[in-house]
Amino acid sequence: MAIKRPLLTQALASTDNVVQWSNQQWSLLIRQARRANLLSRVACQPFEKVPEKAQQHFINAKTVADANARAVRLEVADIQRVLSEEKIPFVLLKGAAYLVAGFDFGQSRVYSDVDILVEKSKLNLAEKLFIQNGWMTTKLNAYDQKYYREWMHELPPLRHMKRHSSLDVHHTIVPPTSVYELEIDKLWERCVPVEGLADVFVLSKNDMLLHSAVHLFSDGDFENGIRDLSDIACMVGEFSSAENFWVDLEQRAVELGLIEPMFYALRYAQYFLELDVPKDVLDRFQKRAGCGRIKLSVMDWLFKRGLLPNHESCTDVFSSTAMLILFVRSHYLRMPITLLMPHLIRKSLHKEDAA
């Protein structure tokens, strides 16, 4: 049995869902949206009538989102300045990419960091440039450094010493040890240049979708799960008017080996956010993903809890169990068991030492 769809997802799915809401329901919506980092996107929904107190929250959320967007644009410009010293091209990923690419939904999102992709051969040089220009690593533990540099798809996270902004520098979009054997050159081949910023790119539209899907459904960090699912729904809504969109997305998902996470993304965006996905498309994705009835029942039980915000109105007695299983699953997808077990034991002991 799944948890009932919360007010947050109802409000994001359709403005018609809120017509008869009471003040108490609007109040609960705001609390759920804050917990999910989605209040600014909810605030941009074209509701016909919003209670005065709720409207003030929405005005404040839009102001914060606008300020956040300006800060991200400044960060991107500074990253471009730093890497231009050695003419290192880079690809903006996730939130910053949505904003800089000019997508409508990118304006209503709050960003906690900037993610970029550089070629692996340029990774050490890029890191050196960032350190010389005020960024420093946030992972000082020797084991964590080894973990990131040998097994992960990114450098240890960087933080600017003055601005306190966060930067994640990737060399691919999934760990090299992941079950998803992705060829990163295929993403670079379809990158789109950002107008006005030399050597700055974003992923192609389909690749943006696929990256968001594999990040959400294999990462294990569901703190912003419904926000990331909302990003996917917004992307499909904005991109799907293109001719042959669904066929091209399916072919690209197969080519990159990401059909399974893309199927989950479409299924749960349809469930929570009423995303319009043709039935034959969803059936084909499910078949190609090899997701049978029993497996799908298990994944529904997990994701219909794990994707919701960690708010008391969105959880039940099984939510913590579902989150634990999804956490273990994410590590299994990232690392083979021969690496995973020593890693989990090491991290567990490290936590005990810290305590």
Protein backbone atom coordinates (compact mmCIF):
# COMPACT_ATOMS: atom_id res chain seq x y z
CA MET A 1 0.00 0.00 0.00
CA ALA A 2 1.43 3.38 -1.06
CA ILE A 3 1.12 6.68 0.72
CA LYS A 4 -1.60 8.96 -0.60
CA ARG A 5 -0.28 11.62 -3.01
CA PRO A 6 0.56 14.70 -0.89
CA LEU A 7 -0.82 18.19 -1.46
CA LEU A 8 2.54 19.26 -2.88
CA THR A 9 2.40 16.90 -5.84
CA GLN A 10 -1.27 17.70 -6.42
CA ALA A 11 -0.48 21.43 -6.62
CA LEU A 12 2.40 20.83 -9.01
CA ALA A 13 0.35 18.50 -11.20
CA SER A 14 -2.60 20.79 -11.88
CA THR A 15 -3.92 24.13 -10.68
CA ASP A 16 -7.42 22.61 -10.78
CA ASN A 17 -6.53 20.40 -7.81
CA VAL A 18 -6.36 23.35 -5.40
CA VAL A 19 -9.65 25.10 -6.22
CA GLN A 20 -11.54 24.04 -3.09
CA TRP A 21 -8.62 23.99 -0.66
CA SER A 22 -8.98 25.33 2.86
CA ASN A 23 -6.47 27.65 4.57
CA GLN A 24 -5.19 24.64 6.50
CA GLN A 25 -4.45 22.81 3.25
CA TRP A 26 -2.57 25.81 1.84
CA SER A 27 -0.57 25.99 5.04
CA LEU A 28 0.35 22.31 4.80
CA LEU A 29 1.27 22.73 1.13
CA ILE A 30 3.75 25.47 2.02
CA ARG A 31 5.37 23.33 4.72
CA GLN A 32 5.69 20.37 2.37
CA ALA A 33 7.08 22.56 -0.41
CA ARG A 34 9.70 24.12 1.89
CA ARG A 35 10.89 20.69 2.99
CA ALA A 36 11.18 19.60 -0.66
CA ASN A 37 12.94 22.81 -1.80
CA LEU A 38 10.04 23.41 -4.17
CA LEU A 39 8.29 26.43 -2.74
CA SER A 40 9.57 28.73 -5.49
CA ARG A 41 8.23 26.40 -8.19
CA VAL A 42 4.88 26.09 -6.46
CA ALA A 43 4.81 29.88 -6.18
CA CYS A 44 5.10 30.13 -9.97
CA GLN A 45 2.04 27.97 -10.60
CA PRO A 46 -0.80 30.00 -12.21
CA PHE A 47 -3.31 29.46 -9.40
CA GLU A 48 -6.52 31.43 -9.86
CA LYS A 49 -6.83 32.43 -6.22
CA VAL A 50 -4.35 32.17 -3.38
CA PRO A 51 -5.08 33.09 0.27
CA GLU A 52 -3.35 36.29 1.32
CA LYS A 53 -1.03 34.66 3.87
CA ALA A 54 0.01 31.99 1.38
CA GLN A 55 0.58 34.65 -1.27
CA GLN A 56 3.12 36.37 0.96
CA HIS A 57 5.09 33.14 1.26
CA PHE A 58 5.00 32.81 -2.52
CA ILE A 59 6.23 36.37 -3.06
CA ASN A 60 9.14 35.75 -0.70
CA ALA A 61 9.95 32.44 -2.41
CA LYS A 62 10.08 34.11 -5.83
CA THR A 63 12.38 36.80 -4.47
CA VAL A 64 14.74 34.14 -3.07
CA ALA A 65 14.67 32.22 -6.37
CA ASP A 66 15.49 35.34 -8.36
CA ALA A 67 18.43 36.16 -6.07
CA ASN A 68 19.61 32.57 -6.24
CA ALA A 69 19.47 32.61 -10.04
CA ARG A 70 21.58 35.77 -10.17
CA ALA A 71 24.15 34.16 -7.85
CA VAL A 72 24.33 31.02 -10.03
CA ARG A 73 24.89 33.09 -13.17
CA LEU A 74 27.76 34.89 -11.43
CA GLU A 75 29.24 31.54 -10.35
CA VAL A 76 29.04 30.20 -13.89
CA ALA A 77 30.76 33.32 -15.23
CA ASP A 78 33.55 32.95 -12.66
CA ILE A 79 34.01 29.25 -13.43
CA GLN A 80 34.27 30.15 -17.11
CA ARG A 81 36.85 32.83 -16.29
CA VAL A 82 38.99 30.40 -14.28
CA LEU A 83 38.92 27.55 -16.83
CA SER A 84 39.48 29.92 -19.75
CA GLU A 85 43.03 30.47 -18.44
CA GLU A 86 43.86 27.08 -19.99
CA LYS A 87 41.00 27.02 -22.51
CA ILE A 88 39.30 24.09 -20.77
CA PRO A 89 35.78 23.52 -22.12
CA PHE A 90 33.10 22.39 -19.67
CA VAL A 91 29.49 21.29 -19.63
CA LEU A 92 27.01 22.67 -17.11
CA LEU A 93 24.91 19.95 -15.50
CA LYS A 94 21.52 19.81 -13.79
CA GLY A 95 20.17 23.00 -12.22
CA ALA A 96 22.71 25.50 -13.53
CA ALA A 97 22.25 24.07 -17.02
CA TYR A 98 18.47 24.51 -16.87
CA LEU A 99 18.93 28.13 -15.87
CA VAL A 100 21.67 29.10 -18.34
CA ALA A 101 19.92 27.27 -21.20
CA GLY A 102 16.94 29.54 -20.64
CA PHE A 103 14.30 26.93 -19.84
CA ASP A 104 11.24 28.36 -18.09
CA PHE A 105 11.36 25.87 -15.23
CA GLY A 106 15.01 26.76 -14.57
CA GLN A 107 13.93 30.17 -13.29
CA SER A 108 11.77 28.69 -10.52
CA ARG A 109 14.39 26.42 -8.98
CA VAL A 110 16.64 26.97 -5.95
CA TYR A 111 20.24 25.81 -6.39
CA SER A 112 22.55 24.50 -3.69
CA ASP A 113 25.65 24.09 -5.90
CA VAL A 114 26.94 24.16 -9.46
CA ASP A 115 27.82 20.93 -11.26
CA ILE A 116 30.13 20.85 -14.27
CA LEU A 117 31.62 18.20 -16.53
CA VAL A 118 35.19 18.38 -17.85
CA GLU A 119 37.18 15.88 -19.86
CA LYS A 120 39.04 13.42 -17.64
CA SER A 121 42.36 14.37 -19.24
CA LYS A 122 41.77 17.97 -18.05
CA LEU A 123 40.57 17.07 -14.56
CA ASN A 124 43.82 17.61 -12.64
CA LEU A 125 44.52 20.87 -14.41
CA ALA A 126 40.99 22.12 -13.73
CA GLU A 127 41.31 21.25 -10.05
CA LYS A 128 44.64 23.10 -9.87
CA LEU A 129 43.06 26.20 -11.41
CA PHE A 130 40.16 26.15 -8.99
CA ILE A 131 42.45 25.82 -5.97
CA GLN A 132 44.54 28.73 -7.23
CA ASN A 133 41.36 30.80 -7.52
CA GLY A 134 39.90 30.34 -4.06
CA TRP A 135 38.22 26.93 -4.02
CA MET A 136 39.24 24.23 -1.58
CA THR A 137 38.26 20.62 -1.10
CA THR A 138 35.64 19.79 1.51
CA LYS A 139 36.85 16.21 1.98
CA LEU A 140 40.09 16.28 3.96
CA ASN A 141 39.99 12.65 5.11
CA ALA A 142 42.51 10.54 3.17
CA TYR A 143 40.05 7.71 2.64
CA ASP A 144 37.38 10.06 1.25
CA GLN A 145 39.92 11.53 -1.14
CA LYS A 146 40.81 8.04 -2.36
CA TYR A 147 37.13 7.09 -2.63
CA TYR A 148 36.33 10.03 -4.89
CA ARG A 149 39.46 9.93 -7.01
CA GLU A 150 39.54 6.19 -7.67
CA TRP A 151 35.91 5.12 -7.69
CA MET A 152 33.64 8.10 -8.24
CA HIS A 153 32.66 10.16 -11.26
CA GLU A 154 33.75 13.48 -9.74
CA LEU A 155 36.38 15.24 -7.69
CA PRO A 156 35.79 15.68 -3.97
CA PRO A 157 33.33 18.61 -3.68
CA LEU A 158 34.89 22.07 -3.71
CA ARG A 159 33.84 25.14 -1.73
CA HIS A 160 34.88 28.72 -2.39
CA MET A 161 36.67 30.17 0.63
CA LYS A 162 35.06 33.63 0.36
CA ARG A 163 31.67 33.09 -1.29
CA HIS A 164 31.08 29.68 0.34
CA SER A 165 29.57 28.46 -2.94
CA SER A 166 29.81 24.75 -3.75
CA LEU A 167 31.16 23.22 -6.95
CA ASP A 168 31.09 19.61 -8.12
CA VAL A 169 33.53 18.81 -10.93
CA HIS A 170 32.61 15.65 -12.84
CA HIS A 171 34.49 13.73 -15.49
CA THR A 172 31.50 11.52 -16.28
CA ILE A 173 27.90 11.28 -15.02
CA VAL A 174 27.97 7.85 -13.36
CA PRO A 175 30.76 6.21 -11.33
CA PRO A 176 33.20 4.15 -13.43
CA THR A 177 32.34 1.18 -11.19
CA SER A 178 28.58 1.63 -11.76
CA VAL A 179 26.33 -0.99 -13.33
CA TYR A 180 25.57 1.65 -15.97
CA GLU A 181 28.47 1.42 -18.43
CA LEU A 182 28.11 4.80 -20.07
CA GLU A 183 30.46 6.12 -22.77
CA ILE A 184 30.97 9.77 -21.85
CA ASP A 185 32.24 10.69 -25.33
CA LYS A 186 28.71 10.14 -26.62
CA LEU A 187 27.48 12.97 -24.38
CA TRP A 188 30.22 15.34 -25.52
CA GLU A 189 29.35 14.65 -29.16
CA ARG A 190 25.88 16.18 -28.74
CA CYS A 191 26.67 19.04 -26.37
CA VAL A 192 25.16 22.44 -27.17
CA PRO A 193 27.24 25.64 -26.78
CA VAL A 194 25.93 28.34 -24.45
CA GLU A 195 25.54 31.64 -26.23
CA GLY A 196 27.85 34.35 -24.93
CA LEU A 197 30.11 32.04 -22.91
CA ALA A 198 33.11 30.63 -24.76
CA ASP A 199 33.82 26.92 -24.20
CA VAL A 200 30.67 26.51 -22.05
CA PHE A 201 28.14 23.87 -23.06
CA VAL A 202 24.99 22.12 -21.88
CA LEU A 203 23.90 18.57 -22.64
CA SER A 204 21.44 17.93 -25.45
CA LYS A 205 17.83 17.91 -24.30
CA ASN A 206 17.47 14.12 -24.28
CA ASP A 207 20.80 13.72 -22.49
CA MET A 208 19.69 16.25 -19.86
CA LEU A 209 16.64 14.11 -19.22
CA LEU A 210 18.63 10.90 -19.04
CA HIS A 211 21.23 12.42 -16.71
CA SER A 212 18.52 13.67 -14.37
CA ALA A 213 16.88 10.24 -14.39
CA VAL A 214 20.03 8.23 -13.65
CA HIS A 215 21.07 10.74 -10.98
CA LEU A 216 17.72 10.51 -9.21
CA PHE A 217 17.18 6.76 -9.44
CA SER A 218 20.69 5.56 -8.64
CA ASP A 219 22.18 8.20 -6.35
CA GLY A 220 20.48 7.23 -3.09
CA ASP A 221 20.06 10.79 -1.82
CA PHE A 222 16.33 11.47 -1.96
CA GLU A 223 16.32 14.65 0.12
CA ASN A 224 15.34 16.51 -3.05
CA GLY A 225 13.70 13.55 -4.74
CA ILE A 226 10.37 15.12 -5.63
CA ARG A 227 12.16 18.31 -6.76
CA ASP A 228 14.31 16.30 -9.17
CA LEU A 229 11.25 14.39 -10.36
CA SER A 230 9.54 17.75 -10.95
CA ASP A 231 12.56 18.81 -13.05
CA ILE A 232 12.04 15.71 -15.19
CA ALA A 233 8.32 16.39 -15.58
CA CYS A 234 9.07 20.00 -16.55
CA MET A 235 11.66 18.90 -19.10
CA VAL A 236 9.30 16.41 -20.72
CA GLY A 237 6.60 19.06 -20.79
CA GLU A 238 8.95 21.52 -22.48
CA PHE A 239 10.71 19.10 -24.85
CA SER A 240 7.96 16.67 -25.89
CA SER A 241 6.44 18.96 -28.52
CA ALA A 242 9.41 18.16 -30.78
CA GLU A 243 8.74 15.76 -33.62
CA ASN A 244 9.66 12.13 -32.82
CA PHE A 245 10.51 13.12 -29.22
CA TRP A 246 9.47 9.81 -27.64
CA VAL A 247 11.16 7.65 -30.29
CA ASP A 248 14.39 9.66 -30.07
CA LEU A 249 14.37 9.56 -26.25
CA GLU A 250 13.89 5.79 -26.26
CA GLN A 251 16.67 5.24 -28.79
CA ARG A 252 19.04 7.49 -26.85
CA ALA A 253 18.22 5.77 -23.55
CA VAL A 254 19.04 2.41 -25.11
CA GLU A 255 22.22 3.76 -26.72
CA LEU A 256 23.50 5.12 -23.38
CA GLY A 257 22.32 2.11 -21.35
CA LEU A 258 19.95 4.25 -19.25
CA ILE A 259 16.58 2.83 -20.22
CA GLU A 260 15.77 1.55 -16.70
CA PRO A 261 16.20 4.84 -14.79
CA MET A 262 14.36 6.68 -17.58
CA PHE A 263 11.44 4.25 -17.26
CA TYR A 264 11.26 4.89 -13.52
CA ALA A 265 11.42 8.64 -14.13
CA LEU A 266 8.48 8.54 -16.53
CA ARG A 267 6.45 6.15 -14.38
CA TYR A 268 6.72 8.13 -11.15
CA ALA A 269 6.41 11.53 -12.83
CA GLN A 270 3.15 10.22 -14.24
CA TYR A 271 2.04 8.88 -10.86
CA PHE A 272 2.95 11.88 -8.70
CA LEU A 273 2.77 14.79 -11.14
CA GLU A 274 0.25 13.55 -13.73
CA LEU A 275 2.84 13.76 -16.50
CA ASP A 276 1.26 12.90 -19.85
CA VAL A 277 3.14 9.83 -21.09
CA PRO A 278 1.54 7.78 -23.88
CA LYS A 279 0.72 4.28 -22.65
CA ASP A 280 2.49 2.57 -25.54
CA VAL A 281 5.64 4.58 -24.78
CA LEU A 282 5.61 3.60 -21.11
CA ASP A 283 4.96 -0.04 -22.03
CA ARG A 284 7.93 -0.07 -24.40
CA PHE A 285 10.23 1.52 -21.84
CA GLN A 286 9.12 -1.02 -19.24
CA LYS A 287 9.71 -3.95 -21.58
CA ARG A 288 13.16 -2.71 -22.60
CA ALA A 289 14.02 -2.09 -18.94
CA GLY A 290 13.18 -5.71 -18.10
CA CYS A 291 10.95 -4.62 -15.26
CA GLY A 292 8.41 -7.39 -14.64
CA ARG A 293 5.33 -7.36 -12.44
CA ILE A 294 7.01 -8.53 -9.21
CA LYS A 295 9.99 -6.21 -9.55
CA LEU A 296 7.71 -3.29 -10.38
CA SER A 297 5.59 -3.93 -7.30
CA VAL A 298 8.71 -3.79 -5.13
CA MET A 299 9.98 -0.62 -6.78
CA ASP A 300 6.57 1.02 -6.40
CA TRP A 301 6.60 0.23 -2.68
CA LEU A 302 10.03 1.83 -2.38
CA PHE A 303 9.82 4.86 -4.66
CA LYS A 304 6.28 5.88 -3.73
CA ARG A 305 7.76 6.51 -0.28
CA GLY A 306 11.36 7.41 -1.06
CA LEU A 307 10.57 10.20 -3.51
CA LEU A 308 8.37 12.15 -1.12
CA PRO A 309 9.67 14.98 1.09
CA ASN A 310 10.73 14.06 4.60
CA HIS A 311 7.72 15.68 6.23
CA GLU A 312 5.45 13.98 8.76
CA SER A 313 2.46 14.38 6.43
CA CYS A 314 4.31 12.48 3.67
CA THR A 315 5.63 9.48 5.59
CA ASP A 316 4.29 6.32 7.19
CA VAL A 317 5.68 3.54 9.39
CA PHE A 318 7.44 1.97 6.39
CA SER A 319 9.12 5.12 5.07
CA SER A 320 12.38 4.75 7.02
CA THR A 321 12.68 1.12 5.91
CA ALA A 322 12.11 2.09 2.29
CA MET A 323 14.77 4.81 2.53
CA LEU A 324 17.29 2.39 4.03
CA ILE A 325 16.70 -0.13 1.23
CA LEU A 326 17.06 2.59 -1.40
CA PHE A 327 20.29 3.75 0.23
CA VAL A 328 21.76 0.23 0.08
CA ARG A 329 20.46 -0.19 -3.49
CA SER A 330 22.20 3.00 -4.60
CA HIS A 331 25.54 1.77 -3.30
CA TYR A 332 25.03 -1.59 -4.98
CA LEU A 333 24.40 0.19 -8.29
CA ARG A 334 27.51 2.33 -7.83
CA MET A 335 30.05 -0.30 -6.75
CA PRO A 336 30.59 -4.05 -7.13
CA ILE A 337 30.16 -6.04 -3.92
CA THR A 338 33.93 -6.56 -3.58
CA LEU A 339 34.35 -2.79 -3.21
CA LEU A 340 31.03 -2.06 -1.58
CA MET A 341 31.32 -4.20 1.56
CA PRO A 342 34.75 -2.89 2.66
CA HIS A 343 33.56 0.65 1.89
CA LEU A 344 30.40 0.38 4.00
CA ILE A 345 32.31 -1.26 6.87
CA ARG A 346 34.96 1.47 6.72
CA LYS A 347 32.34 4.25 6.74
CA SER A 348 30.46 2.61 9.58
CA LEU A 349 33.59 2.37 11.72
CA HIS A 350 34.51 5.94 10.86
CA LYS A 351 31.14 7.15 12.12
CA GLU A 352 31.60 5.25 15.37
CA ASP A 353 35.06 6.81 15.79
CA ALA A 354 33.63 10.26 15.20
CA ALA A 355 30.91 9.65 17.79
